[in-house]
Amino acid sequence: MSALRRFLALGGAERAVAAEAGALLAFVRVTFWLLPFRVLRQALHRYSTLLNRTDGRVPATRVAALVASVARRFPTPVTCLAEALAAEAMLRRRGYEPALRLGVRRADAAVFDAHAWVECDGRIVIGEVAELGDYAVLEARGRS
């Protein structure tokens, strides 16, 4: 089934989440090049509070799954940080209290590996990888 057919097969609320994910992922990717990270975080926090939707129709895990699904369809790879930032803002906008996690691990003697993920209600909702326990969390924030 084509991406367009999958999108059209979604219910109205999920279709809105997927469209929002596409727009927000594009915004985050472009903004990475234009603004300092701190300013990007402030903009995403403002977005999530000014346009708050607490309808709760879409579960946190489904919001995150739709963000990941949309990210896979971008023409160039989307980083785990872009996915995590978009998911965090979208979840906060819907009344959830997500926590962005930024971690780093030493892959070998000369290389560091970084990863970003989001936890919500005590569960990882986006960015789970098999070796996540190997990462030392650099930042753990519930709010921007």
Foldseek 3Di string as FASTA:
>chain_A
DDPVVVLVPDDPVLNVLLVLLLVQLVVLVVVVVPDPPVVVQVVLQCLLPVQAAQPPPADLLSSLVSSVVSQVPDPDHRAQVSSASSSLSVCSSNVWQKKKWKWWAAPDPPDIDIHIFIDTPRHTRPGDDPVVVRTDTPDIDSGD
